[in-house]
Amino acid sequence: MAIYEILQVGDEVLRQKCLPVKEINDTVRELLDDMAETMYRADGVGLAAPQIGITKRMIVVDVGEGLVELINPELVNGRGRQIDDEGCLSVVGVTGPVERYKTVMVKGLDRNGKGILIKAHGLFARALQHEMDHLDGILFIDKVKK
């Protein structure tokens, strides 16, 4: 497995809208492994492909309940509101309060191309939304409550 450098705010790749993954193959699975290893090495709870310079719609998240890998994730619905401080591996040393859905339903594909549906709340819901924002070129600092 490879550990990638995590891009920092100011890098134009972080502001690009990512493209869907069209074919799930060994290269995609290896990238998911590398993303997870990179996230764990950086002591993060989530990582999106653009954070390592790859403009594909892929995220990994682990808030302490086990690794979740999602390819082409989409928000199905969100309920409730929560405001809490967020940080980001691409915006080192900065945190701020961000409003997010408290509970979300997210669909996507797993590493084998099988459709999955995840219901998440609390920190897990926040992490999913944060990483999915990266896929559209949105950073948490764009949403910080003033």
C-alpha atoms as a PDB file:
ATOM      1  CA  MET A   1       0.000   0.000   0.000  1.00  0.00           C
ATOM      2  CA  ALA A   2       1.010   3.584  -0.574  1.00  0.00           C
ATOM      3  CA  ILE A   3       0.751   6.601   1.680  1.00  0.00           C
ATOM      4  CA  TYR A   4      -0.214   9.702  -0.277  1.00  0.00           C
ATOM      5  CA  GLU A   5       0.567  13.323   0.451  1.00  0.00           C
ATOM      6  CA  ILE A   6      -2.598  15.115   1.533  1.00  0.00           C
ATOM      7  CA  LEU A   7      -3.215  18.264  -0.498  1.00  0.00           C
ATOM      8  CA  GLN A   8      -3.663  21.497   1.432  1.00  0.00           C
ATOM      9  CA  VAL A   9      -6.088  24.379   1.049  1.00  0.00           C
ATOM     10  CA  GLY A  10      -5.037  26.499  -1.905  1.00  0.00           C
ATOM     11  CA  ASP A  11      -4.434  23.514  -4.176  1.00  0.00           C
ATOM     12  CA  GLU A  12      -6.844  23.851  -7.107  1.00  0.00           C
ATOM     13  CA  VAL A  13      -7.643  20.116  -7.132  1.00  0.00           C
ATOM     14  CA  LEU A  14      -9.530  20.568  -3.847  1.00  0.00           C
ATOM     15  CA  ARG A  15     -11.952  22.943  -5.603  1.00  0.00           C
ATOM     16  CA  GLN A  16     -12.775  20.665  -8.530  1.00  0.00           C
ATOM     17  CA  LYS A  17     -15.987  18.701  -8.934  1.00  0.00           C
ATOM     18  CA  CYS A  18     -15.057  15.025  -9.056  1.00  0.00           C
ATOM     19  CA  LEU A  19     -16.090  12.576 -11.745  1.00  0.00           C
ATOM     20  CA  PRO A  20     -18.036   9.380 -11.069  1.00  0.00           C
ATOM     21  CA  VAL A  21     -16.146   6.122 -11.023  1.00  0.00           C
ATOM     22  CA  LYS A  22     -17.332   4.264 -14.121  1.00  0.00           C
ATOM     23  CA  GLU A  23     -15.649   0.907 -13.589  1.00  0.00           C
ATOM     24  CA  ILE A  24     -14.715  -0.733 -10.312  1.00  0.00           C
ATOM     25  CA  ASN A  25     -11.555  -2.770 -10.762  1.00  0.00           C
ATOM     26  CA  ASP A  26      -8.371  -3.698  -8.918  1.00  0.00           C
ATOM     27  CA  THR A  27      -6.970  -0.196  -9.419  1.00  0.00           C
ATOM     28  CA  VAL A  28     -10.004   1.325  -7.668  1.00  0.00           C
ATOM     29  CA  ARG A  29      -9.798  -1.220  -4.833  1.00  0.00           C
ATOM     30  CA  GLU A  30      -6.078  -0.506  -4.392  1.00  0.00           C
ATOM     31  CA  LEU A  31      -6.826   3.219  -4.266  1.00  0.00           C
ATOM     32  CA  LEU A  32      -9.422   2.629  -1.528  1.00  0.00           C
ATOM     33  CA  ASP A  33      -6.784   0.700   0.454  1.00  0.00           C
ATOM     34  CA  ASP A  34      -4.268   3.518  -0.038  1.00  0.00           C
ATOM     35  CA  MET A  35      -6.827   6.150   0.973  1.00  0.00           C
ATOM     36  CA  ALA A  36      -7.615   4.283   4.191  1.00  0.00           C
ATOM     37  CA  GLU A  37      -3.935   3.838   5.019  1.00  0.00           C
ATOM     38  CA  THR A  38      -3.284   7.532   4.324  1.00  0.00           C
ATOM     39  CA  MET A  39      -6.245   8.559   6.519  1.00  0.00           C
ATOM     40  CA  TYR A  40      -5.146   6.336   9.413  1.00  0.00           C
ATOM     41  CA  ARG A  41      -1.535   7.506   9.165  1.00  0.00           C
ATOM     42  CA  ALA A  42      -2.737  11.131   9.397  1.00  0.00           C
ATOM     43  CA  ASP A  43      -5.023  10.337  12.381  1.00  0.00           C
ATOM     44  CA  GLY A  44      -8.094  11.387  10.416  1.00  0.00           C
ATOM     45  CA  VAL A  45     -11.656  10.070  10.483  1.00  0.00           C
ATOM     46  CA  GLY A  46     -12.287  10.567   6.772  1.00  0.00           C
ATOM     47  CA  LEU A  47     -10.594  11.164   3.458  1.00  0.00           C
ATOM     48  CA  ALA A  48     -11.872  11.947  -0.024  1.00  0.00           C
ATOM     49  CA  ALA A  49     -10.007  11.110  -3.226  1.00  0.00           C
ATOM     50  CA  PRO A  50      -9.446  14.764  -4.228  1.00  0.00           C
ATOM     51  CA  GLN A  51      -7.493  15.272  -1.003  1.00  0.00           C
ATOM     52  CA  ILE A  52      -4.808  13.048  -2.503  1.00  0.00           C
ATOM     53  CA  GLY A  53      -5.084  14.585  -5.969  1.00  0.00           C
ATOM     54  CA  ILE A  54      -7.538  12.150  -7.554  1.00  0.00           C
ATOM     55  CA  THR A  55     -10.728  13.699  -8.905  1.00  0.00           C
ATOM     56  CA  LYS A  56     -12.926  10.617  -8.547  1.00  0.00           C
ATOM     57  CA  ARG A  57     -16.030  10.266  -6.379  1.00  0.00           C
ATOM     58  CA  MET A  58     -14.591   8.052  -3.633  1.00  0.00           C
ATOM     59  CA  ILE A  59     -14.450   8.464   0.148  1.00  0.00           C
ATOM     60  CA  VAL A  60     -13.323   6.502   3.183  1.00  0.00           C
ATOM     61  CA  VAL A  61     -14.595   7.135   6.724  1.00  0.00           C
ATOM     62  CA  ASP A  62     -13.863   5.585  10.113  1.00  0.00           C
ATOM     63  CA  VAL A  63     -15.220   7.340  13.196  1.00  0.00           C
ATOM     64  CA  GLY A  64     -14.278   4.419  15.418  1.00  0.00           C
ATOM     65  CA  GLU A  65     -16.950   2.008  14.237  1.00  0.00           C
ATOM     66  CA  GLY A  66     -14.946   0.419  11.411  1.00  0.00           C
ATOM     67  CA  LEU A  67     -13.917   1.472   7.937  1.00  0.00           C
ATOM     68  CA  VAL A  68     -16.595   2.531   5.462  1.00  0.00           C
ATOM     69  CA  GLU A  69     -15.661   2.842   1.797  1.00  0.00           C
ATOM     70  CA  LEU A  70     -18.037   4.522  -0.641  1.00  0.00           C
ATOM     71  CA  ILE A  71     -17.760   4.903  -4.373  1.00  0.00           C
ATOM     72  CA  ASN A  72     -20.046   7.460  -6.066  1.00  0.00           C
ATOM     73  CA  PRO A  73     -21.798   8.343  -2.784  1.00  0.00           C
ATOM     74  CA  GLU A  74     -25.040  10.330  -2.887  1.00  0.00           C
ATOM     75  CA  LEU A  75     -27.088  11.891  -0.137  1.00  0.00           C
ATOM     76  CA  VAL A  76     -30.550  10.328  -0.246  1.00  0.00           C
ATOM     77  CA  ASN A  77     -31.978  12.439   2.566  1.00  0.00           C
ATOM     78  CA  GLY A  78     -31.065  14.294   5.722  1.00  0.00           C
ATOM     79  CA  ARG A  79     -32.971  15.136   8.891  1.00  0.00           C
ATOM     80  CA  GLY A  80     -32.456  17.318  11.903  1.00  0.00           C
ATOM     81  CA  ARG A  81     -29.655  19.777  12.453  1.00  0.00           C
ATOM     82  CA  GLN A  82     -26.449  19.730  14.437  1.00  0.00           C
ATOM     83  CA  ILE A  83     -23.735  22.338  14.817  1.00  0.00           C
ATOM     84  CA  ASP A  84     -20.284  21.206  15.891  1.00  0.00           C
ATOM     85  CA  ASP A  85     -16.648  22.061  15.296  1.00  0.00           C
ATOM     86  CA  GLU A  86     -14.961  20.461  12.317  1.00  0.00           C
ATOM     87  CA  GLY A  87     -11.403  20.245  11.121  1.00  0.00           C
ATOM     88  CA  CYS A  88      -9.861  18.791   7.990  1.00  0.00           C
ATOM     89  CA  LEU A  89      -6.679  17.034   6.976  1.00  0.00           C
ATOM     90  CA  SER A  90      -6.474  19.546   4.097  1.00  0.00           C
ATOM     91  CA  VAL A  91      -6.883  22.588   6.366  1.00  0.00           C
ATOM     92  CA  VAL A  92      -4.394  21.853   9.119  1.00  0.00           C
ATOM     93  CA  GLY A  93      -4.745  23.732  12.400  1.00  0.00           C
ATOM     94  CA  VAL A  94      -8.133  25.272  11.630  1.00  0.00           C
ATOM     95  CA  THR A  95     -11.468  24.322  13.173  1.00  0.00           C
ATOM     96  CA  GLY A  96     -14.864  25.943  13.175  1.00  0.00           C
ATOM     97  CA  PRO A  97     -18.564  25.336  13.803  1.00  0.00           C
ATOM     98  CA  VAL A  98     -20.437  23.858  10.846  1.00  0.00           C
ATOM     99  CA  GLU A  99     -24.146  23.073  10.624  1.00  0.00           C
ATOM    100  CA  ARG A 100     -24.948  19.656   9.170  1.00  0.00           C
ATOM    101  CA  TYR A 101     -27.805  17.187   9.081  1.00  0.00           C
ATOM    102  CA  LYS A 102     -27.991  15.160  12.285  1.00  0.00           C
ATOM    103  CA  THR A 103     -29.113  11.991  10.482  1.00  0.00           C
ATOM    104  CA  VAL A 104     -28.435  11.096   6.863  1.00  0.00           C
ATOM    105  CA  MET A 105     -29.179   8.329   4.430  1.00  0.00           C
ATOM    106  CA  VAL A 106     -26.361   7.852   1.898  1.00  0.00           C
ATOM    107  CA  LYS A 107     -26.199   5.447  -1.011  1.00  0.00           C
ATOM    108  CA  GLY A 108     -23.225   4.376  -3.054  1.00  0.00           C
ATOM    109  CA  LEU A 109     -21.222   1.387  -4.166  1.00  0.00           C
ATOM    110  CA  ASP A 110     -18.860  -0.784  -2.153  1.00  0.00           C
ATOM    111  CA  ARG A 111     -15.431  -1.954  -3.347  1.00  0.00           C
ATOM    112  CA  ASN A 112     -17.055  -4.759  -5.338  1.00  0.00           C
ATOM    113  CA  GLY A 113     -19.633  -2.590  -7.093  1.00  0.00           C
ATOM    114  CA  LYS A 114     -22.512  -3.679  -4.887  1.00  0.00           C
ATOM    115  CA  GLY A 115     -25.052  -0.990  -4.002  1.00  0.00           C
ATOM    116  CA  ILE A 116     -25.171  -0.046  -0.336  1.00  0.00           C
ATOM    117  CA  LEU A 117     -27.412   2.198   1.725  1.00  0.00           C
ATOM    118  CA  ILE A 118     -26.107   3.667   4.977  1.00  0.00           C
ATOM    119  CA  LYS A 119     -28.113   5.365   7.692  1.00  0.00           C
ATOM    120  CA  ALA A 120     -25.862   7.451   9.904  1.00  0.00           C
ATOM    121  CA  HIS A 121     -26.245   9.952  12.708  1.00  0.00           C
ATOM    122  CA  GLY A 122     -24.046  12.097  14.901  1.00  0.00           C
ATOM    123  CA  LEU A 123     -20.341  12.112  14.114  1.00  0.00           C
ATOM    124  CA  PHE A 124     -20.692   9.425  11.432  1.00  0.00           C
ATOM    125  CA  ALA A 125     -23.310  11.525   9.594  1.00  0.00           C
ATOM    126  CA  ARG A 126     -21.106  14.616   9.932  1.00  0.00           C
ATOM    127  CA  ALA A 127     -18.046  12.804   8.567  1.00  0.00           C
ATOM    128  CA  LEU A 128     -19.957  11.430   5.574  1.00  0.00           C
ATOM    129  CA  GLN A 129     -21.300  14.886   4.697  1.00  0.00           C
ATOM    130  CA  HIS A 130     -17.875  16.489   5.147  1.00  0.00           C
ATOM    131  CA  GLU A 131     -16.167  13.977   2.835  1.00  0.00           C
ATOM    132  CA  MET A 132     -18.962  14.110   0.259  1.00  0.00           C
ATOM    133  CA  ASP A 133     -18.573  17.911   0.148  1.00  0.00           C
ATOM    134  CA  HIS A 134     -14.964  17.392  -0.939  1.00  0.00           C
ATOM    135  CA  LEU A 135     -16.274  15.586  -4.029  1.00  0.00           C
ATOM    136  CA  ASP A 136     -17.963  18.818  -5.112  1.00  0.00           C
ATOM    137  CA  GLY A 137     -14.994  21.071  -4.343  1.00  0.00           C
ATOM    138  CA  ILE A 138     -16.445  22.306  -1.051  1.00  0.00           C
ATOM    139  CA  LEU A 139     -14.295  22.657   2.067  1.00  0.00           C
ATOM    140  CA  PHE A 140     -15.660  22.906   5.598  1.00  0.00           C
ATOM    141  CA  ILE A 141     -14.229  26.429   5.860  1.00  0.00           C
ATOM    142  CA  ASP A 142     -16.796  27.448   3.236  1.00  0.00           C
ATOM    143  CA  LYS A 143     -19.563  26.485   5.667  1.00  0.00           C
ATOM    144  CA  VAL A 144     -18.183  27.722   8.998  1.00  0.00           C
ATOM    145  CA  LYS A 145     -20.782  29.666  10.955  1.00  0.00           C
ATOM    146  CA  LYS A 146     -19.491  33.173  11.577  1.00  0.00           C
END
